[in-house]
Amino acid sequence: MRLYFFREAWRSFRKHSGIAYTAIFSLAATLTLCGLFLLLAHNAQVALRLIGDRREMVVYLRDDVTTEQRDALVARLAELYGGATYVSKQQAWDEFAQQVGDPQLLESVDQNPLPASLRVRLRPELLNFPAMQQAAKQVSEFPEVEDVRYGGEWVRRLDELSAMFEAGALAVGLVVALAIVFVIYNTLRLTVLARRHQVEIMSRLGATDRFIATPFVIEAVAEALVAALLALGILLGLQQAFMRQVVSVVFLSLPWVAGFVVAAMVLAWLAAMLALSRVLRAVGS
């Protein structure tokens, strides 16, 4: 029985190849545009993740903090917020001197004014503005702490940028979903109407709507699969072309590729069910 459905879907595809190819190319064009935005969003997400991984909280220590107090603070910070790295006054001065790069300018400074500090690599769940702000406020109340810095404005803008990309991806996804539904709906409507006589005969012989619709659904899902793979091939070619221009572009990861293909097939299935539920009623009446 299952073989019959696939055989009927293939026969319908060959008999109405013009409509089928039009649907495939229309879907491929739509999915390619969606894929371009996904490729941009994916690369932006990768870049934001790399930048976000560098977000840290710098805890400046009081000058009178003992080694025992410092070690206890490191343990407490590691337990509550994330791993902490100690930076002595001399290390801080060496880093500052390397950044300035002018020995004559540094010679005018009589003594090292920089405090010792702890650089806290925050846990992933704390890498957002509200959580970092709350953590900095709590740490600043510790008796061993002189001040806390975490670049609040920079972190807030980074979070806003990430949210903007997510909203854009959602908006484009909705538009593409509607386009897929529209293309599949009209393609199946034309295909069923072209086989109206055959569908009427099957219906009068007692075939259920599900039995009649299954080959059409298989055909629609297969067309969406081919279109999605074609769109991915185009995207891969574009990505390679950008790479040859010395522009670092990362292709979609395997989960993104799988999600892209599955989403196209699921939307095709939904559109097919919607179209067939209406068209078969019209044909059978």
Foldseek 3Di string as FASTA:
>chain_A
DVVVLQVVLVVLCVVPVVLLVVLLVLLLVLLLVLQVLVLVLVQLVVVLVVVLQPFWKKFFFDPPQDPVNVVVVQVVCCVPWRHKDKQALVNVVVVVCVVVVDVVVVVVDPDRPGTIIIIGRGDPVQSALVSVVVVQVVVCPDPGTDHMDGPNVVRHVSVVVNVVSVVVSVVSVVVSLVSLLVSLLVSLLVSCVVCLVVLQVCVVVPDDLCNVLSSSLVNQLVSLLSSLVSSLVVVVVVQVVVVVVVDDGDRDDPVVSVVSSVSSSVSSNVSSVVNSVPSSVVSND
